[in-house]
Amino acid sequence: DVSATFSKGTILQRVKYLAHALDYRDTLDTAITHTPTGNWVAIFEDDIILTTAPSQASARIRSALATMPADADTLHLEYCFDACHNAMFRNDNPWTSTANSPYCCAAILFSGQGLKKMRELLTTIRTSVDDHIPESCERHELNCYK
């Protein structure tokens, strides 16, 4: 189920992209199987750098999750190179905004429905996960927030 259009980069880069996508898919499968309904799951890459005290980061994440809409699939936790001028904050939620093109995949929280949607989107691997997730947000296949 690997698409013939998976052609970005050199052969070595393509193997790395494919390995990462397959690993990500396995991680999603494990999370779907073992996560209680209603819980969010964090997927962090191994090179994530925390820029604030863990207690402060935890408090911010809890505040953001408490105000997430019911249809939210992802919460991106890092700087996303997104179009800030397109950020849409709701009056009742100062912690998060909709994500337009969130080019950040090193730290994402997935809702239960977001795990399932992302896994379905990775049934056929056409590109790297780092490209696939933002494209899925742009196409509104995932309801993404940051």
C-alpha atoms as a PDB file:
ATOM      1  CA  ASP A   1       0.000   0.000   0.000  1.00  0.00           C
ATOM      2  CA  VAL A   2       2.918   2.330  -0.675  1.00  0.00           C
ATOM      3  CA  SER A   3       2.071   4.684  -3.511  1.00  0.00           C
ATOM      4  CA  ALA A   4       4.315   4.858  -6.571  1.00  0.00           C
ATOM      5  CA  THR A   5       4.142   8.643  -6.254  1.00  0.00           C
ATOM      6  CA  PHE A   6       6.316   8.554  -3.105  1.00  0.00           C
ATOM      7  CA  SER A   7       9.252  10.130  -4.897  1.00  0.00           C
ATOM      8  CA  LYS A   8      10.544  13.110  -2.888  1.00  0.00           C
ATOM      9  CA  GLY A   9      14.327  13.232  -2.432  1.00  0.00           C
ATOM     10  CA  THR A  10      17.156  10.777  -3.040  1.00  0.00           C
ATOM     11  CA  ILE A  11      16.742   7.015  -2.641  1.00  0.00           C
ATOM     12  CA  LEU A  12      18.165   7.197   0.900  1.00  0.00           C
ATOM     13  CA  GLN A  13      15.832  10.060   1.819  1.00  0.00           C
ATOM     14  CA  ARG A  14      12.847   8.159   0.419  1.00  0.00           C
ATOM     15  CA  VAL A  15      13.726   5.103   2.511  1.00  0.00           C
ATOM     16  CA  LYS A  16      13.960   7.307   5.617  1.00  0.00           C
ATOM     17  CA  TYR A  17      10.632   9.035   4.819  1.00  0.00           C
ATOM     18  CA  LEU A  18       8.975   5.686   4.258  1.00  0.00           C
ATOM     19  CA  ALA A  19      10.426   4.192   7.451  1.00  0.00           C
ATOM     20  CA  HIS A  20       9.225   7.209   9.449  1.00  0.00           C
ATOM     21  CA  ALA A  21       5.736   6.970   7.930  1.00  0.00           C
ATOM     22  CA  LEU A  22       5.487   3.244   8.676  1.00  0.00           C
ATOM     23  CA  ASP A  23       6.714   3.830  12.239  1.00  0.00           C
ATOM     24  CA  TYR A  24       4.187   6.649  12.683  1.00  0.00           C
ATOM     25  CA  ARG A  25       1.432   4.393  11.401  1.00  0.00           C
ATOM     26  CA  ASP A  26       2.444   1.666  13.880  1.00  0.00           C
ATOM     27  CA  THR A  27       2.420   4.251  16.686  1.00  0.00           C
ATOM     28  CA  LEU A  28      -1.093   5.320  15.688  1.00  0.00           C
ATOM     29  CA  ASP A  29      -2.245   1.677  15.647  1.00  0.00           C
ATOM     30  CA  THR A  30      -0.863   1.130  19.164  1.00  0.00           C
ATOM     31  CA  ALA A  31      -2.477   4.327  20.444  1.00  0.00           C
ATOM     32  CA  ILE A  32      -5.853   3.453  18.906  1.00  0.00           C
ATOM     33  CA  THR A  33      -5.760   0.006  20.511  1.00  0.00           C
ATOM     34  CA  HIS A  34      -4.654   1.096  23.994  1.00  0.00           C
ATOM     35  CA  THR A  35      -6.145   4.563  24.558  1.00  0.00           C
ATOM     36  CA  PRO A  36      -9.364   4.891  26.571  1.00  0.00           C
ATOM     37  CA  THR A  37     -12.211   6.747  24.874  1.00  0.00           C
ATOM     38  CA  GLY A  38     -12.080  10.491  25.397  1.00  0.00           C
ATOM     39  CA  ASN A  39      -8.338  10.676  26.059  1.00  0.00           C
ATOM     40  CA  TRP A  40      -5.809  12.590  24.001  1.00  0.00           C
ATOM     41  CA  VAL A  41      -2.506  11.019  22.921  1.00  0.00           C
ATOM     42  CA  ALA A  42       0.785  12.866  22.481  1.00  0.00           C
ATOM     43  CA  ILE A  43       3.225  11.795  19.789  1.00  0.00           C
ATOM     44  CA  PHE A  44       6.633  13.432  20.255  1.00  0.00           C
ATOM     45  CA  GLU A  45       9.662  12.999  18.060  1.00  0.00           C
ATOM     46  CA  ASP A  46      12.921  12.285  19.869  1.00  0.00           C
ATOM     47  CA  ASP A  47      14.469  15.691  19.095  1.00  0.00           C
ATOM     48  CA  ILE A  48      11.780  17.921  20.614  1.00  0.00           C
ATOM     49  CA  ILE A  49      13.172  20.731  22.782  1.00  0.00           C
ATOM     50  CA  LEU A  50      11.099  22.103  25.642  1.00  0.00           C
ATOM     51  CA  THR A  51      11.462  25.885  25.857  1.00  0.00           C
ATOM     52  CA  THR A  52       9.687  26.352  29.183  1.00  0.00           C
ATOM     53  CA  ALA A  53       9.498  24.600  32.538  1.00  0.00           C
ATOM     54  CA  PRO A  54       7.630  21.275  32.290  1.00  0.00           C
ATOM     55  CA  SER A  55       5.078  22.424  34.886  1.00  0.00           C
ATOM     56  CA  GLN A  56       4.335  25.566  32.861  1.00  0.00           C
ATOM     57  CA  ALA A  57       4.075  23.607  29.599  1.00  0.00           C
ATOM     58  CA  SER A  58       1.761  21.093  31.275  1.00  0.00           C
ATOM     59  CA  ALA A  59      -0.507  23.860  32.593  1.00  0.00           C
ATOM     60  CA  ARG A  60      -0.726  25.475  29.152  1.00  0.00           C
ATOM     61  CA  ILE A  61      -1.537  22.164  27.473  1.00  0.00           C
ATOM     62  CA  ARG A  62      -4.241  21.352  30.046  1.00  0.00           C
ATOM     63  CA  SER A  63      -5.772  24.812  29.545  1.00  0.00           C
ATOM     64  CA  ALA A  64      -5.747  24.377  25.780  1.00  0.00           C
ATOM     65  CA  LEU A  65      -7.302  20.896  25.931  1.00  0.00           C
ATOM     66  CA  ALA A  66     -10.041  22.094  28.277  1.00  0.00           C
ATOM     67  CA  THR A  67     -11.265  24.533  25.637  1.00  0.00           C
ATOM     68  CA  MET A  68     -10.835  22.436  22.484  1.00  0.00           C
ATOM     69  CA  PRO A  69     -13.946  22.006  20.354  1.00  0.00           C
ATOM     70  CA  ALA A  70     -15.476  18.528  20.257  1.00  0.00           C
ATOM     71  CA  ASP A  71     -14.502  18.056  16.599  1.00  0.00           C
ATOM     72  CA  ALA A  72     -10.786  18.820  17.177  1.00  0.00           C
ATOM     73  CA  ASP A  73      -8.431  16.154  15.827  1.00  0.00           C
ATOM     74  CA  THR A  74      -4.990  17.599  16.570  1.00  0.00           C
ATOM     75  CA  LEU A  75      -3.267  20.138  18.759  1.00  0.00           C
ATOM     76  CA  HIS A  76       0.193  21.089  17.461  1.00  0.00           C
ATOM     77  CA  LEU A  77       2.485  22.082  20.311  1.00  0.00           C
ATOM     78  CA  GLU A  78       5.414  23.699  18.532  1.00  0.00           C
ATOM     79  CA  TYR A  79       6.088  26.659  16.261  1.00  0.00           C
ATOM     80  CA  CYS A  80       4.474  25.644  12.998  1.00  0.00           C
ATOM     81  CA  PHE A  81       5.621  28.134  10.346  1.00  0.00           C
ATOM     82  CA  ASP A  82       1.906  28.776   9.901  1.00  0.00           C
ATOM     83  CA  ALA A  83       0.323  31.879   8.428  1.00  0.00           C
ATOM     84  CA  CYS A  84      -0.172  33.905  11.622  1.00  0.00           C
ATOM     85  CA  HIS A  85      -2.366  36.445   9.855  1.00  0.00           C
ATOM     86  CA  ASN A  86      -4.837  33.622   9.143  1.00  0.00           C
ATOM     87  CA  ALA A  87      -5.016  32.466  12.771  1.00  0.00           C
ATOM     88  CA  MET A  88      -8.601  32.240  13.954  1.00  0.00           C
ATOM     89  CA  PHE A  89      -9.052  32.503  17.726  1.00  0.00           C
ATOM     90  CA  ARG A  90     -12.487  32.020  19.261  1.00  0.00           C
ATOM     91  CA  ASN A  91     -13.648  34.511  21.890  1.00  0.00           C
ATOM     92  CA  ASP A  92     -14.035  31.717  24.455  1.00  0.00           C
ATOM     93  CA  ASN A  93     -10.620  30.173  23.793  1.00  0.00           C
ATOM     94  CA  PRO A  94      -7.469  32.315  24.126  1.00  0.00           C
ATOM     95  CA  TRP A  95      -5.221  29.225  24.217  1.00  0.00           C
ATOM     96  CA  THR A  96      -5.625  27.813  20.717  1.00  0.00           C
ATOM     97  CA  SER A  97      -6.378  28.838  17.154  1.00  0.00           C
ATOM     98  CA  THR A  98      -7.170  26.943  14.008  1.00  0.00           C
ATOM     99  CA  ALA A  99      -4.089  25.742  12.148  1.00  0.00           C
ATOM    100  CA  ASN A 100      -3.923  26.569   8.452  1.00  0.00           C
ATOM    101  CA  SER A 101      -0.682  24.973   7.275  1.00  0.00           C
ATOM    102  CA  PRO A 102       0.981  23.622  10.415  1.00  0.00           C
ATOM    103  CA  TYR A 103       4.379  22.499   9.186  1.00  0.00           C
ATOM    104  CA  CYS A 104       5.297  20.970  12.513  1.00  0.00           C
ATOM    105  CA  CYS A 105       5.110  17.322  13.408  1.00  0.00           C
ATOM    106  CA  ALA A 106       7.532  16.864  16.295  1.00  0.00           C
ATOM    107  CA  ALA A 107       4.896  17.350  19.012  1.00  0.00           C
ATOM    108  CA  ILE A 108       1.224  16.674  18.295  1.00  0.00           C
ATOM    109  CA  LEU A 109      -1.659  15.738  20.537  1.00  0.00           C
ATOM    110  CA  PHE A 110      -4.323  13.607  18.839  1.00  0.00           C
ATOM    111  CA  SER A 111      -7.894  13.160  19.996  1.00  0.00           C
ATOM    112  CA  GLY A 112      -9.322   9.647  19.696  1.00  0.00           C
ATOM    113  CA  GLN A 113     -11.092  10.566  16.465  1.00  0.00           C
ATOM    114  CA  GLY A 114      -7.922  12.301  15.253  1.00  0.00           C
ATOM    115  CA  LEU A 115      -5.897   9.110  15.783  1.00  0.00           C
ATOM    116  CA  LYS A 116      -8.359   7.155  13.649  1.00  0.00           C
ATOM    117  CA  LYS A 117      -8.543   9.807  10.928  1.00  0.00           C
ATOM    118  CA  MET A 118      -4.744  10.113  10.727  1.00  0.00           C
ATOM    119  CA  ARG A 119      -4.369   6.330  10.565  1.00  0.00           C
ATOM    120  CA  GLU A 120      -6.893   6.170   7.728  1.00  0.00           C
ATOM    121  CA  LEU A 121      -5.047   8.964   5.915  1.00  0.00           C
ATOM    122  CA  LEU A 122      -1.807   6.943   6.184  1.00  0.00           C
ATOM    123  CA  THR A 123      -3.321   3.782   4.680  1.00  0.00           C
ATOM    124  CA  THR A 124      -1.582   4.784   1.460  1.00  0.00           C
ATOM    125  CA  ILE A 125       1.729   6.534   1.997  1.00  0.00           C
ATOM    126  CA  ARG A 126       2.343   9.096  -0.735  1.00  0.00           C
ATOM    127  CA  THR A 127       4.734  11.484   0.974  1.00  0.00           C
ATOM    128  CA  SER A 128       6.555  12.069   4.238  1.00  0.00           C
ATOM    129  CA  VAL A 129       4.505  12.368   7.426  1.00  0.00           C
ATOM    130  CA  ASP A 130       5.935  15.877   7.847  1.00  0.00           C
ATOM    131  CA  ASP A 131       4.224  16.847   4.572  1.00  0.00           C
ATOM    132  CA  HIS A 132       1.160  14.615   4.902  1.00  0.00           C
ATOM    133  CA  ILE A 133      -0.096  16.060   8.202  1.00  0.00           C
ATOM    134  CA  PRO A 134      -0.059  19.742   7.117  1.00  0.00           C
ATOM    135  CA  GLU A 135      -1.639  18.828   3.776  1.00  0.00           C
ATOM    136  CA  SER A 136      -4.391  16.966   5.626  1.00  0.00           C
ATOM    137  CA  CYS A 137      -4.977  20.049   7.782  1.00  0.00           C
ATOM    138  CA  GLU A 138      -5.090  22.328   4.731  1.00  0.00           C
ATOM    139  CA  ARG A 139      -7.618  20.065   3.004  1.00  0.00           C
ATOM    140  CA  HIS A 140      -9.675  19.918   6.242  1.00  0.00           C
ATOM    141  CA  GLU A 141      -9.342  16.148   6.370  1.00  0.00           C
ATOM    142  CA  LEU A 142      -8.140  16.777   9.946  1.00  0.00           C
ATOM    143  CA  ASN A 143      -9.468  19.518  12.242  1.00  0.00           C
ATOM    144  CA  CYS A 144      -6.149  20.982  13.355  1.00  0.00           C
ATOM    145  CA  TYR A 145      -5.397  23.483  16.095  1.00  0.00           C
ATOM    146  CA  LYS A 146      -2.263  25.062  17.483  1.00  0.00           C
END
